[in-house]
Amino acid sequence: MAGLIAPATPEHQRAEKVTWAEALRISIDFKNGQLWLLLDPDVWIWPIRAKKDATDFLDKRRSGRFNKEYNKLLNAWVQVILGLGELNADTTLSVFESGSTAENPSFKLTNRTAFARRLVR
């Protein structure tokens, strides 16, 4: 990635040095009558227009992120977000310290991930 420059374009008048960081995509889904917070470790590229030029770097950085390695990254992000170090721990988050359920909804989160292991036969 060293030395990669996003060229100037009609929309962007100056060339820019390309930078990257470990990142986390966050989304919410509703399945089986429950809300699920979905976390997906990723690599962030800036400026965004350089993503095509950084394909080789992104492929190399993301390669090898299968089950065990991906789960380690995911657990690290869960610990950063929830601050829970122990396995299968729960925490409750709410916006305010007090108030009725309608005024101050709370959300119970667990740090258990959906990591899949090979079945022993």
PDB file of N, CA and C in Angstrom:
ATOM      1  N   MET A   1       0.820  -1.184   0.000  1.00  0.00           N
ATOM      2  CA  MET A   1       0.000   0.000   0.000  1.00  0.00           C
ATOM      3  C   MET A   1       0.867   1.252   0.000  1.00  0.00           C
ATOM      4  N   ALA A   2       2.096   1.117   0.459  1.00  0.00           N
ATOM      5  CA  ALA A   2       2.989   2.276   0.513  1.00  0.00           C
ATOM      6  C   ALA A   2       3.120   2.906  -0.868  1.00  0.00           C
ATOM      7  N   GLY A   3       2.914   4.195  -0.920  1.00  0.00           N
ATOM      8  CA  GLY A   3       3.077   4.926  -2.158  1.00  0.00           C
ATOM      9  C   GLY A   3       1.887   4.932  -3.090  1.00  0.00           C
ATOM     10  N   LEU A   4       0.794   4.294  -2.717  1.00  0.00           N
ATOM     11  CA  LEU A   4      -0.391   4.289  -3.574  1.00  0.00           C
ATOM     12  C   LEU A   4      -1.060   5.660  -3.503  1.00  0.00           C
ATOM     13  N   ILE A   5      -1.299   6.231  -4.675  1.00  0.00           N
ATOM     14  CA  ILE A   5      -1.892   7.565  -4.779  1.00  0.00           C
ATOM     15  C   ILE A   5      -3.175   7.474  -5.595  1.00  0.00           C
ATOM     16  N   ALA A   6      -4.236   8.075  -5.076  1.00  0.00           N
ATOM     17  CA  ALA A   6      -5.486   8.185  -5.835  1.00  0.00           C
ATOM     18  C   ALA A   6      -5.326   9.382  -6.766  1.00  0.00           C
ATOM     19  N   PRO A   7      -5.405   9.163  -8.062  1.00  0.00           N
ATOM     20  CA  PRO A   7      -5.162  10.265  -8.996  1.00  0.00           C
ATOM     21  C   PRO A   7      -6.271  11.319  -8.946  1.00  0.00           C
ATOM     22  N   ALA A   8      -5.931  12.493  -9.426  1.00  0.00           N
ATOM     23  CA  ALA A   8      -6.928  13.567  -9.544  1.00  0.00           C
ATOM     24  C   ALA A   8      -7.944  13.164 -10.616  1.00  0.00           C
ATOM     25  N   THR A   9      -9.168  13.582 -10.411  1.00  0.00           N
ATOM     26  CA  THR A   9     -10.249  13.324 -11.371  1.00  0.00           C
ATOM     27  C   THR A   9     -11.027  14.633 -11.555  1.00  0.00           C
ATOM     28  N   PRO A  10     -11.932  14.666 -12.508  1.00  0.00           N
ATOM     29  CA  PRO A  10     -12.735  15.891 -12.651  1.00  0.00           C
ATOM     30  C   PRO A  10     -13.516  16.229 -11.365  1.00  0.00           C
ATOM     31  N   GLU A  11     -13.923  15.195 -10.595  1.00  0.00           N
ATOM     32  CA  GLU A  11     -14.663  15.436  -9.345  1.00  0.00           C
ATOM     33  C   GLU A  11     -13.743  15.765  -8.171  1.00  0.00           C
ATOM     34  N   HIS A  12     -12.488  15.302  -8.242  1.00  0.00           N
ATOM     35  CA  HIS A  12     -11.521  15.496  -7.155  1.00  0.00           C
ATOM     36  C   HIS A  12     -10.270  16.124  -7.768  1.00  0.00           C
ATOM     37  N   GLN A  13     -10.072  17.380  -7.517  1.00  0.00           N
ATOM     38  CA  GLN A  13      -9.034  18.149  -8.202  1.00  0.00           C
ATOM     39  C   GLN A  13      -7.607  17.800  -7.798  1.00  0.00           C
ATOM     40  N   ARG A  14      -7.423  17.172  -6.629  1.00  0.00           N
ATOM     41  CA  ARG A  14      -6.072  16.857  -6.167  1.00  0.00           C
ATOM     42  C   ARG A  14      -5.875  15.347  -6.015  1.00  0.00           C
ATOM     43  N   ALA A  15      -4.671  14.900  -6.322  1.00  0.00           N
ATOM     44  CA  ALA A  15      -4.307  13.516  -6.034  1.00  0.00           C
ATOM     45  C   ALA A  15      -4.145  13.394  -4.520  1.00  0.00           C
ATOM     46  N   GLU A  16      -4.473  12.216  -3.982  1.00  0.00           N
ATOM     47  CA  GLU A  16      -4.379  12.005  -2.538  1.00  0.00           C
ATOM     48  C   GLU A  16      -3.679  10.695  -2.230  1.00  0.00           C
ATOM     49  N   LYS A  17      -2.901  10.705  -1.144  1.00  0.00           N
ATOM     50  CA  LYS A  17      -2.282   9.479  -0.664  1.00  0.00           C
ATOM     51  C   LYS A  17      -3.394   8.563  -0.143  1.00  0.00           C
ATOM     52  N   VAL A  18      -3.297   7.276  -0.464  1.00  0.00           N
ATOM     53  CA  VAL A  18      -4.297   6.303  -0.031  1.00  0.00           C
ATOM     54  C   VAL A  18      -3.910   5.784   1.353  1.00  0.00           C
ATOM     55  N   THR A  19      -4.881   5.762   2.253  1.00  0.00           N
ATOM     56  CA  THR A  19      -4.664   5.237   3.598  1.00  0.00           C
ATOM     57  C   THR A  19      -5.670   4.127   3.868  1.00  0.00           C
ATOM     58  N   TRP A  20      -5.393   3.349   4.903  1.00  0.00           N
ATOM     59  CA  TRP A  20      -6.277   2.241   5.237  1.00  0.00           C
ATOM     60  C   TRP A  20      -6.340   2.075   6.754  1.00  0.00           C
ATOM     61  N   ALA A  21      -7.365   1.344   7.203  1.00  0.00           N
ATOM     62  CA  ALA A  21      -7.513   1.020   8.624  1.00  0.00           C
ATOM     63  C   ALA A  21      -8.388  -0.212   8.754  1.00  0.00           C
ATOM     64  N   GLU A  22      -8.182  -0.963   9.825  1.00  0.00           N
ATOM     65  CA  GLU A  22      -9.115  -2.035  10.143  1.00  0.00           C
ATOM     66  C   GLU A  22     -10.430  -1.361  10.502  1.00  0.00           C
ATOM     67  N   ALA A  23     -11.534  -1.942  10.073  1.00  0.00           N
ATOM     68  CA  ALA A  23     -12.843  -1.323  10.274  1.00  0.00           C
ATOM     69  C   ALA A  23     -13.879  -2.384  10.600  1.00  0.00           C
ATOM     70  N   LEU A  24     -15.076  -1.928  10.905  1.00  0.00           N
ATOM     71  CA  LEU A  24     -16.162  -2.824  11.242  1.00  0.00           C
ATOM     72  C   LEU A  24     -17.440  -2.334  10.581  1.00  0.00           C
ATOM     73  N   ARG A  25     -18.058  -3.196   9.791  1.00  0.00           N
ATOM     74  CA  ARG A  25     -19.377  -2.895   9.219  1.00  0.00           C
ATOM     75  C   ARG A  25     -20.421  -3.336  10.240  1.00  0.00           C
ATOM     76  N   ILE A  26     -21.387  -2.477  10.506  1.00  0.00           N
ATOM     77  CA  ILE A  26     -22.426  -2.780  11.485  1.00  0.00           C
ATOM     78  C   ILE A  26     -23.785  -2.651  10.816  1.00  0.00           C
ATOM     79  N   SER A  27     -24.628  -3.677  10.996  1.00  0.00           N
ATOM     80  CA  SER A  27     -25.991  -3.620  10.467  1.00  0.00           C
ATOM     81  C   SER A  27     -26.915  -4.350  11.439  1.00  0.00           C
ATOM     82  N   ILE A  28     -28.199  -4.172  11.246  1.00  0.00           N
ATOM     83  CA  ILE A  28     -29.203  -4.819  12.082  1.00  0.00           C
ATOM     84  C   ILE A  28     -30.119  -5.616  11.175  1.00  0.00           C
ATOM     85  N   ASP A  29     -30.461  -6.830  11.610  1.00  0.00           N
ATOM     86  CA  ASP A  29     -31.356  -7.687  10.835  1.00  0.00           C
ATOM     87  C   ASP A  29     -32.399  -8.278  11.786  1.00  0.00           C
ATOM     88  N   PHE A  30     -33.539  -8.630  11.242  1.00  0.00           N
ATOM     89  CA  PHE A  30     -34.606  -9.239  12.028  1.00  0.00           C
ATOM     90  C   PHE A  30     -34.840 -10.637  11.482  1.00  0.00           C
ATOM     91  N   LYS A  31     -34.505 -11.652  12.276  1.00  0.00           N
ATOM     92  CA  LYS A  31     -34.661 -13.059  11.883  1.00  0.00           C
ATOM     93  C   LYS A  31     -35.246 -13.847  13.037  1.00  0.00           C
ATOM     94  N   ASN A  32     -36.141 -14.771  12.726  1.00  0.00           N
ATOM     95  CA  ASN A  32     -36.723 -15.659  13.739  1.00  0.00           C
ATOM     96  C   ASN A  32     -37.305 -14.906  14.927  1.00  0.00           C
ATOM     97  N   GLY A  33     -37.923 -13.761  14.646  1.00  0.00           N
ATOM     98  CA  GLY A  33     -38.571 -12.996  15.705  1.00  0.00           C
ATOM     99  C   GLY A  33     -37.622 -12.246  16.621  1.00  0.00           C
ATOM    100  N   GLN A  34     -36.335 -12.124  16.240  1.00  0.00           N
ATOM    101  CA  GLN A  34     -35.359 -11.418  17.065  1.00  0.00           C
ATOM    102  C   GLN A  34     -34.567 -10.442  16.223  1.00  0.00           C
ATOM    103  N   LEU A  35     -34.135  -9.363  16.867  1.00  0.00           N
ATOM    104  CA  LEU A  35     -33.217  -8.441  16.214  1.00  0.00           C
ATOM    105  C   LEU A  35     -31.793  -8.938  16.422  1.00  0.00           C
ATOM    106  N   TRP A  36     -31.000  -8.861  15.378  1.00  0.00           N
ATOM    107  CA  TRP A  36     -29.610  -9.292  15.434  1.00  0.00           C
ATOM    108  C   TRP A  36     -28.715  -8.123  15.045  1.00  0.00           C
ATOM    109  N   LEU A  37     -27.694  -7.871  15.844  1.00  0.00           N
ATOM    110  CA  LEU A  37     -26.679  -6.886  15.520  1.00  0.00           C
ATOM    111  C   LEU A  37     -25.589  -7.628  14.759  1.00  0.00           C
ATOM    112  N   LEU A  38     -25.390  -7.280  13.502  1.00  0.00           N
ATOM    113  CA  LEU A  38     -24.420  -7.977  12.659  1.00  0.00           C
ATOM    114  C   LEU A  38     -23.134  -7.166  12.577  1.00  0.00           C
ATOM    115  N   LEU A  39     -22.034  -7.795  12.890  1.00  0.00           N
ATOM    116  CA  LEU A  39     -20.723  -7.159  12.864  1.00  0.00           C
ATOM    117  C   LEU A  39     -19.849  -7.884  11.849  1.00  0.00           C
ATOM    118  N   ASP A  40     -19.223  -7.131  10.969  1.00  0.00           N
ATOM    119  CA  ASP A  40     -18.407  -7.723   9.914  1.00  0.00           C
ATOM    120  C   ASP A  40     -17.068  -6.993   9.830  1.00  0.00           C
ATOM    121  N   PRO A  41     -15.989  -7.580  10.381  1.00  0.00           N
ATOM    122  CA  PRO A  41     -14.674  -6.947  10.282  1.00  0.00           C
ATOM    123  C   PRO A  41     -14.275  -6.760   8.817  1.00  0.00           C
ATOM    124  N   ASP A  42     -13.679  -5.621   8.523  1.00  0.00           N
ATOM    125  CA  ASP A  42     -13.313  -5.301   7.148  1.00  0.00           C
ATOM    126  C   ASP A  42     -12.096  -4.386   7.162  1.00  0.00           C
ATOM    127  N   VAL A  43     -11.663  -3.985   5.991  1.00  0.00           N
ATOM    128  CA  VAL A  43     -10.574  -3.029   5.834  1.00  0.00           C
ATOM    129  C   VAL A  43     -11.136  -1.811   5.106  1.00  0.00           C
ATOM    130  N   TRP A  44     -10.881  -0.632   5.658  1.00  0.00           N
ATOM    131  CA  TRP A  44     -11.408   0.630   5.135  1.00  0.00           C
ATOM    132  C   TRP A  44     -10.317   1.331   4.344  1.00  0.00           C
ATOM    133  N   ILE A  45     -10.666   1.826   3.176  1.00  0.00           N
ATOM    134  CA  ILE A  45      -9.728   2.531   2.292  1.00  0.00           C
ATOM    135  C   ILE A  45     -10.204   3.966   2.115  1.00  0.00           C
ATOM    136  N   TRP A  46      -9.263   4.901   2.181  1.00  0.00           N
ATOM    137  CA  TRP A  46      -9.584   6.302   1.917  1.00  0.00           C
ATOM    138  C   TRP A  46      -8.531   6.888   1.011  1.00  0.00           C
ATOM    139  N   PRO A  47      -8.902   7.627   0.012  1.00  0.00           N
ATOM    140  CA  PRO A  47     -10.255   7.978  -0.395  1.00  0.00           C
ATOM    141  C   PRO A  47     -10.953   6.790  -1.043  1.00  0.00           C
ATOM    142  N   ILE A  48     -12.234   6.783  -0.946  1.00  0.00           N
ATOM    143  CA  ILE A  48     -13.056   5.660  -1.412  1.00  0.00           C
ATOM    144  C   ILE A  48     -12.820   5.389  -2.905  1.00  0.00           C
ATOM    145  N   ARG A  49     -12.540   6.421  -3.661  1.00  0.00           N
ATOM    146  CA  ARG A  49     -12.340   6.241  -5.106  1.00  0.00           C
ATOM    147  C   ARG A  49     -11.102   5.405  -5.420  1.00  0.00           C
ATOM    148  N   ALA A  50     -10.243   5.189  -4.441  1.00  0.00           N
ATOM    149  CA  ALA A  50      -9.019   4.410  -4.645  1.00  0.00           C
ATOM    150  C   ALA A  50      -9.239   2.920  -4.422  1.00  0.00           C
ATOM    151  N   LYS A  51     -10.453   2.528  -4.074  1.00  0.00           N
ATOM    152  CA  LYS A  51     -10.707   1.121  -3.752  1.00  0.00           C
ATOM    153  C   LYS A  51     -10.329   0.197  -4.916  1.00  0.00           C
ATOM    154  N   LYS A  52     -10.648   0.614  -6.150  1.00  0.00           N
ATOM    155  CA  LYS A  52     -10.287  -0.217  -7.313  1.00  0.00           C
ATOM    156  C   LYS A  52      -8.772  -0.359  -7.437  1.00  0.00           C
ATOM    157  N   ASP A  53      -8.043   0.728  -7.160  1.00  0.00           N
ATOM    158  CA  ASP A  53      -6.589   0.698  -7.271  1.00  0.00           C
ATOM    159  C   ASP A  53      -5.945  -0.095  -6.132  1.00  0.00           C
ATOM    160  N   ALA A  54      -6.662  -0.266  -5.035  1.00  0.00           N
ATOM    161  CA  ALA A  54      -6.118  -0.962  -3.867  1.00  0.00           C
ATOM    162  C   ALA A  54      -6.593  -2.409  -3.787  1.00  0.00           C
ATOM    163  N   THR A  55      -7.150  -2.940  -4.855  1.00  0.00           N
ATOM    164  CA  THR A  55      -7.699  -4.301  -4.850  1.00  0.00           C
ATOM    165  C   THR A  55      -6.663  -5.336  -4.417  1.00  0.00           C
ATOM    166  N   ASP A  56      -5.453  -5.260  -4.945  1.00  0.00           N
ATOM    167  CA  ASP A  56      -4.413  -6.230  -4.580  1.00  0.00           C
ATOM    168  C   ASP A  56      -4.100  -6.160  -3.091  1.00  0.00           C
ATOM    169  N   PHE A  57      -3.968  -4.928  -2.566  1.00  0.00           N
ATOM    170  CA  PHE A  57      -3.699  -4.754  -1.139  1.00  0.00           C
ATOM    171  C   PHE A  57      -4.839  -5.326  -0.305  1.00  0.00           C
ATOM    172  N   LEU A  58      -6.083  -5.002  -0.668  1.00  0.00           N
ATOM    173  CA  LEU A  58      -7.246  -5.487   0.080  1.00  0.00           C
ATOM    174  C   LEU A  58      -7.332  -7.007   0.052  1.00  0.00           C
ATOM    175  N   ASP A  59      -7.108  -7.594  -1.121  1.00  0.00           N
ATOM    176  CA  ASP A  59      -7.137  -9.059  -1.234  1.00  0.00           C
ATOM    177  C   ASP A  59      -6.085  -9.701  -0.337  1.00  0.00           C
ATOM    178  N   LYS A  60      -4.877  -9.134  -0.345  1.00  0.00           N
ATOM    179  CA  LYS A  60      -3.795  -9.687   0.479  1.00  0.00           C
ATOM    180  C   LYS A  60      -4.105  -9.505   1.963  1.00  0.00           C
ATOM    181  N   ARG A  61      -4.616  -8.333   2.337  1.00  0.00           N
ATOM    182  CA  ARG A  61      -4.919  -8.052   3.750  1.00  0.00           C
ATOM    183  C   ARG A  61      -6.038  -8.957   4.275  1.00  0.00           C
ATOM    184  N   ARG A  62      -7.035  -9.214   3.438  1.00  0.00           N
ATOM    185  CA  ARG A  62      -8.192 -10.024   3.847  1.00  0.00           C
ATOM    186  C   ARG A  62      -7.960 -11.525   3.687  1.00  0.00           C
ATOM    187  N   SER A  63      -6.943 -11.907   2.938  1.00  0.00           N
ATOM    188  CA  SER A  63      -6.715 -13.331   2.705  1.00  0.00           C
ATOM    189  C   SER A  63      -6.393 -14.027   4.017  1.00  0.00           C
ATOM    190  N   GLY A  64      -6.824 -15.233   4.156  1.00  0.00           N
ATOM    191  CA  GLY A  64      -6.562 -15.989   5.361  1.00  0.00           C
ATOM    192  C   GLY A  64      -7.519 -15.693   6.507  1.00  0.00           C
ATOM    193  N   ARG A  65      -8.494 -14.830   6.276  1.00  0.00           N
ATOM    194  CA  ARG A  65      -9.459 -14.508   7.338  1.00  0.00           C
ATOM    195  C   ARG A  65     -10.625 -15.486   7.284  1.00  0.00           C
ATOM    196  N   PHE A  66     -10.305 -16.728   7.571  1.00  0.00           N
ATOM    197  CA  PHE A  66     -11.327 -17.761   7.603  1.00  0.00           C
ATOM    198  C   PHE A  66     -11.569 -18.143   9.047  1.00  0.00           C
ATOM    199  N   ASN A  67     -12.674 -18.775   9.308  1.00  0.00           N
ATOM    200  CA  ASN A  67     -13.171 -19.193  10.610  1.00  0.00           C
ATOM    201  C   ASN A  67     -12.370 -18.708  11.819  1.00  0.00           C
ATOM    202  N   LYS A  68     -11.290 -19.384  12.169  1.00  0.00           N
ATOM    203  CA  LYS A  68     -10.583 -19.099  13.411  1.00  0.00           C
ATOM    204  C   LYS A  68     -10.029 -17.668  13.440  1.00  0.00           C
ATOM    205  N   GLU A  69      -9.378 -17.251  12.366  1.00  0.00           N
ATOM    206  CA  GLU A  69      -8.790 -15.915  12.313  1.00  0.00           C
ATOM    207  C   GLU A  69      -9.877 -14.842  12.293  1.00  0.00           C
ATOM    208  N   TYR A  70     -10.929 -15.092  11.514  1.00  0.00           N
ATOM    209  CA  TYR A  70     -12.048 -14.150  11.440  1.00  0.00           C
ATOM    210  C   TYR A  70     -12.713 -14.022  12.806  1.00  0.00           C
ATOM    211  N   ASN A  71     -12.876 -15.142  13.496  1.00  0.00           N
ATOM    212  CA  ASN A  71     -13.494 -15.129  14.824  1.00  0.00           C
ATOM    213  C   ASN A  71     -12.648 -14.343  15.826  1.00  0.00           C
ATOM    214  N   LYS A  72     -11.328 -14.436  15.730  1.00  0.00           N
ATOM    215  CA  LYS A  72     -10.460 -13.653  16.613  1.00  0.00           C
ATOM    216  C   LYS A  72     -10.678 -12.154  16.385  1.00  0.00           C
ATOM    217  N   LEU A  73     -10.749 -11.750  15.125  1.00  0.00           N
ATOM    218  CA  LEU A  73     -11.020 -10.341  14.807  1.00  0.00           C
ATOM    219  C   LEU A  73     -12.385  -9.916  15.333  1.00  0.00           C
ATOM    220  N   LEU A  74     -13.371 -10.749  15.098  1.00  0.00           N
ATOM    221  CA  LEU A  74     -14.732 -10.450  15.544  1.00  0.00           C
ATOM    222  C   LEU A  74     -14.791 -10.329  17.070  1.00  0.00           C
ATOM    223  N   ASN A  75     -14.167 -11.246  17.783  1.00  0.00           N
ATOM    224  CA  ASN A  75     -14.147 -11.174  19.249  1.00  0.00           C
ATOM    225  C   ASN A  75     -13.450  -9.913  19.746  1.00  0.00           C
ATOM    226  N   ALA A  76     -12.376  -9.507  19.063  1.00  0.00           N
ATOM    227  CA  ALA A  76     -11.683  -8.273  19.456  1.00  0.00           C
ATOM    228  C   ALA A  76     -12.609  -7.063  19.290  1.00  0.00           C
ATOM    229  N   TRP A  77     -13.341  -7.000  18.184  1.00  0.00           N
ATOM    230  CA  TRP A  77     -14.283  -5.896  17.971  1.00  0.00           C
ATOM    231  C   TRP A  77     -15.409  -5.921  19.002  1.00  0.00           C
ATOM    232  N   VAL A  78     -15.916  -7.104  19.308  1.00  0.00           N
ATOM    233  CA  VAL A  78     -16.985  -7.221  20.315  1.00  0.00           C
ATOM    234  C   VAL A  78     -16.483  -6.717  21.660  1.00  0.00           C
ATOM    235  N   GLN A  79     -15.244  -7.048  22.004  1.00  0.00           N
ATOM    236  CA  GLN A  79     -14.688  -6.581  23.270  1.00  0.00           C
ATOM    237  C   GLN A  79     -14.527  -5.059  23.258  1.00  0.00           C
ATOM    238  N   VAL A  80     -14.105  -4.497  22.147  1.00  0.00           N
ATOM    239  CA  VAL A  80     -13.970  -3.036  22.040  1.00  0.00           C
ATOM    240  C   VAL A  80     -15.327  -2.361  22.200  1.00  0.00           C
ATOM    241  N   ILE A  81     -16.349  -2.882  21.537  1.00  0.00           N
ATOM    242  CA  ILE A  81     -17.673  -2.259  21.557  1.00  0.00           C
ATOM    243  C   ILE A  81     -18.384  -2.464  22.887  1.00  0.00           C
ATOM    244  N   LEU A  82     -18.392  -3.693  23.385  1.00  0.00           N
ATOM    245  CA  LEU A  82     -19.161  -4.005  24.590  1.00  0.00           C
ATOM    246  C   LEU A  82     -18.336  -3.946  25.876  1.00  0.00           C
ATOM    247  N   GLY A  83     -17.021  -4.018  25.753  1.00  0.00           N
ATOM    248  CA  GLY A  83     -16.172  -3.981  26.932  1.00  0.00           C
ATOM    249  C   GLY A  83     -16.265  -5.226  27.788  1.00  0.00           C
ATOM    250  N   LEU A  84     -16.692  -6.330  27.208  1.00  0.00           N
ATOM    251  CA  LEU A  84     -16.827  -7.580  27.950  1.00  0.00           C
ATOM    252  C   LEU A  84     -15.668  -8.499  27.604  1.00  0.00           C
ATOM    253  N   GLY A  85     -14.937  -8.964  28.609  1.00  0.00           N
ATOM    254  CA  GLY A  85     -13.807  -9.839  28.360  1.00  0.00           C
ATOM    255  C   GLY A  85     -14.144 -11.307  28.441  1.00  0.00           C
ATOM    256  N   GLU A  86     -15.119 -11.666  29.267  1.00  0.00           N
ATOM    257  CA  GLU A  86     -15.449 -13.080  29.439  1.00  0.00           C
ATOM    258  C   GLU A  86     -16.352 -13.573  28.316  1.00  0.00           C
ATOM    259  N   LEU A  87     -16.326 -14.864  28.063  1.00  0.00           N
ATOM    260  CA  LEU A  87     -17.126 -15.461  26.996  1.00  0.00           C
ATOM    261  C   LEU A  87     -18.598 -15.547  27.381  1.00  0.00           C
ATOM    262  N   ASN A  88     -19.464 -15.427  26.401  1.00  0.00           N
ATOM    263  CA  ASN A  88     -20.916 -15.548  26.557  1.00  0.00           C
ATOM    264  C   ASN A  88     -21.480 -14.638  27.651  1.00  0.00           C
ATOM    265  N   ALA A  89     -20.950 -13.434  27.750  1.00  0.00           N
ATOM    266  CA  ALA A  89     -21.415 -12.470  28.744  1.00  0.00           C
ATOM    267  C   ALA A  89     -22.493 -11.577  28.127  1.00  0.00           C
ATOM    268  N   ASP A  90     -23.404 -11.116  28.960  1.00  0.00           N
ATOM    269  CA  ASP A  90     -24.473 -10.223  28.525  1.00  0.00           C
ATOM    270  C   ASP A  90     -24.251  -8.828  29.097  1.00  0.00           C
ATOM    271  N   THR A  91     -24.742  -7.843  28.386  1.00  0.00           N
ATOM    272  CA  THR A  91     -24.766  -6.475  28.883  1.00  0.00           C
ATOM    273  C   THR A  91     -26.035  -5.814  28.386  1.00  0.00           C
ATOM    274  N   THR A  92     -26.513  -4.834  29.110  1.00  0.00           N
ATOM    275  CA  THR A  92     -27.699  -4.094  28.699  1.00  0.00           C
ATOM    276  C   THR A  92     -27.292  -2.655  28.434  1.00  0.00           C
ATOM    277  N   LEU A  93     -27.695  -2.153  27.293  1.00  0.00           N
ATOM    278  CA  LEU A  93     -27.397  -0.780  26.908  1.00  0.00           C
ATOM    279  C   LEU A  93     -28.687   0.016  26.838  1.00  0.00           C
ATOM    280  N   SER A  94     -28.633   1.250  27.320  1.00  0.00           N
ATOM    281  CA  SER A  94     -29.755   2.169  27.164  1.00  0.00           C
ATOM    282  C   SER A  94     -29.188   3.570  26.999  1.00  0.00           C
ATOM    283  N   VAL A  95     -30.000   4.454  26.477  1.00  0.00           N
ATOM    284  CA  VAL A  95     -29.534   5.804  26.187  1.00  0.00           C
ATOM    285  C   VAL A  95     -29.393   6.629  27.460  1.00  0.00           C
ATOM    286  N   PHE A  96     -30.382   6.527  28.341  1.00  0.00           N
ATOM    287  CA  PHE A  96     -30.398   7.339  29.555  1.00  0.00           C
ATOM    288  C   PHE A  96     -30.284   6.456  30.794  1.00  0.00           C
ATOM    289  N   GLU A  97     -30.028   7.064  31.931  1.00  0.00           N
ATOM    290  CA  GLU A  97     -29.912   6.312  33.177  1.00  0.00           C
ATOM    291  C   GLU A  97     -31.270   5.942  33.760  1.00  0.00           C
ATOM    292  N   SER A  98     -32.313   6.697  33.438  1.00  0.00           N
ATOM    293  CA  SER A  98     -33.631   6.399  33.997  1.00  0.00           C
ATOM    294  C   SER A  98     -34.715   6.777  32.995  1.00  0.00           C
ATOM    295  N   GLY A  99     -35.939   6.380  33.303  1.00  0.00           N
ATOM    296  CA  GLY A  99     -37.080   6.671  32.443  1.00  0.00           C
ATOM    297  C   GLY A  99     -37.860   5.407  32.163  1.00  0.00           C
ATOM    298  N   SER A 100     -39.083   5.576  31.705  1.00  0.00           N
ATOM    299  CA  SER A 100     -39.916   4.422  31.379  1.00  0.00           C
ATOM    300  C   SER A 100     -39.359   3.719  30.151  1.00  0.00           C
ATOM    301  N   THR A 101     -39.870   2.533  29.893  1.00  0.00           N
ATOM    302  CA  THR A 101     -39.426   1.756  28.736  1.00  0.00           C
ATOM    303  C   THR A 101     -39.637   2.527  27.437  1.00  0.00           C
ATOM    304  N   ALA A 102     -40.747   3.244  27.344  1.00  0.00           N
ATOM    305  CA  ALA A 102     -41.027   4.018  26.133  1.00  0.00           C
ATOM    306  C   ALA A 102     -40.060   5.192  25.993  1.00  0.00           C
ATOM    307  N   GLU A 103     -39.673   5.792  27.114  1.00  0.00           N
ATOM    308  CA  GLU A 103     -38.765   6.942  27.090  1.00  0.00           C
ATOM    309  C   GLU A 103     -37.306   6.526  26.927  1.00  0.00           C
ATOM    310  N   ASN A 104     -36.979   5.362  27.457  1.00  0.00           N
ATOM    311  CA  ASN A 104     -35.601   4.926  27.507  1.00  0.00           C
ATOM    312  C   ASN A 104     -35.500   3.428  27.205  1.00  0.00           C
ATOM    313  N   PRO A 105     -35.645   3.044  25.933  1.00  0.00           N
ATOM    314  CA  PRO A 105     -35.562   1.619  25.616  1.00  0.00           C
ATOM    315  C   PRO A 105     -34.172   1.078  25.933  1.00  0.00           C
ATOM    316  N   SER A 106     -34.131  -0.183  26.313  1.00  0.00           N
ATOM    317  CA  SER A 106     -32.844  -0.813  26.581  1.00  0.00           C
ATOM    318  C   SER A 106     -32.684  -2.026  25.672  1.00  0.00           C
ATOM    319  N   PHE A 107     -31.446  -2.409  25.463  1.00  0.00           N
ATOM    320  CA  PHE A 107     -31.127  -3.504  24.564  1.00  0.00           C
ATOM    321  C   PHE A 107     -30.166  -4.446  25.259  1.00  0.00           C
ATOM    322  N   LYS A 108     -30.512  -5.712  25.283  1.00  0.00           N
ATOM    323  CA  LYS A 108     -29.648  -6.728  25.877  1.00  0.00           C
ATOM    324  C   LYS A 108     -28.780  -7.314  24.759  1.00  0.00           C
ATOM    325  N   LEU A 109     -27.488  -7.259  24.964  1.00  0.00           N
ATOM    326  CA  LEU A 109     -26.536  -7.771  23.986  1.00  0.00           C
ATOM    327  C   LEU A 109     -25.681  -8.838  24.649  1.00  0.00           C
ATOM    328  N   THR A 110     -25.317  -9.836  23.870  1.00  0.00           N
ATOM    329  CA  THR A 110     -24.391 -10.852  24.340  1.00  0.00           C
ATOM    330  C   THR A 110     -23.178 -10.846  23.426  1.00  0.00           C
ATOM    331  N   ASN A 111     -22.045 -11.251  23.944  1.00  0.00           N
ATOM    332  CA  ASN A 111     -20.842 -11.267  23.112  1.00  0.00           C
ATOM    333  C   ASN A 111     -20.592 -12.619  22.472  1.00  0.00           C
ATOM    334  N   ARG A 112     -21.585 -13.480  22.473  1.00  0.00           N
ATOM    335  CA  ARG A 112     -21.448 -14.773  21.806  1.00  0.00           C
ATOM    336  C   ARG A 112     -21.579 -14.568  20.302  1.00  0.00           C
ATOM    337  N   THR A 113     -20.619 -15.094  19.556  1.00  0.00           N
ATOM    338  CA  THR A 113     -20.644 -14.940  18.106  1.00  0.00           C
ATOM    339  C   THR A 113     -21.208 -16.203  17.457  1.00  0.00           C
ATOM    340  N   ALA A 114     -21.417 -16.133  16.163  1.00  0.00           N
ATOM    341  CA  ALA A 114     -21.945 -17.275  15.413  1.00  0.00           C
ATOM    342  C   ALA A 114     -20.817 -18.023  14.709  1.00  0.00           C
ATOM    343  N   PHE A 115     -19.675 -18.092  15.345  1.00  0.00           N
ATOM    344  CA  PHE A 115     -18.521 -18.803  14.800  1.00  0.00           C
ATOM    345  C   PHE A 115     -18.858 -20.283  14.637  1.00  0.00           C
ATOM    346  N   ALA A 116     -18.575 -20.835  13.480  1.00  0.00           N
ATOM    347  CA  ALA A 116     -18.890 -22.242  13.198  1.00  0.00           C
ATOM    348  C   ALA A 116     -17.632 -23.098  13.334  1.00  0.00           C
ATOM    349  N   ARG A 117     -17.780 -24.226  13.981  1.00  0.00           N
ATOM    350  CA  ARG A 117     -16.668 -25.172  14.106  1.00  0.00           C
ATOM    351  C   ARG A 117     -17.019 -26.457  13.354  1.00  0.00           C
ATOM    352  N   ARG A 118     -15.999 -27.180  12.962  1.00  0.00           N
ATOM    353  CA  ARG A 118     -16.176 -28.445  12.283  1.00  0.00           C
ATOM    354  C   ARG A 118     -16.768 -29.450  13.259  1.00  0.00           C
ATOM    355  N   LEU A 119     -17.752 -30.208  12.805  1.00  0.00           N
ATOM    356  CA  LEU A 119     -18.334 -31.246  13.648  1.00  0.00           C
ATOM    357  C   LEU A 119     -17.350 -32.399  13.794  1.00  0.00           C
ATOM    358  N   VAL A 120     -17.220 -32.907  15.001  1.00  0.00           N
ATOM    359  CA  VAL A 120     -16.355 -34.055  15.259  1.00  0.00           C
ATOM    360  C   VAL A 120     -17.165 -35.306  14.947  1.00  0.00           C
ATOM    361  N   ARG A 121     -16.616 -36.179  14.142  1.00  0.00           N
ATOM    362  CA  ARG A 121     -17.325 -37.399  13.759  1.00  0.00           C
ATOM    363  C   ARG A 121     -16.613 -38.598  14.269  1.00  0.00           C
TER     364      ARG A 121
END
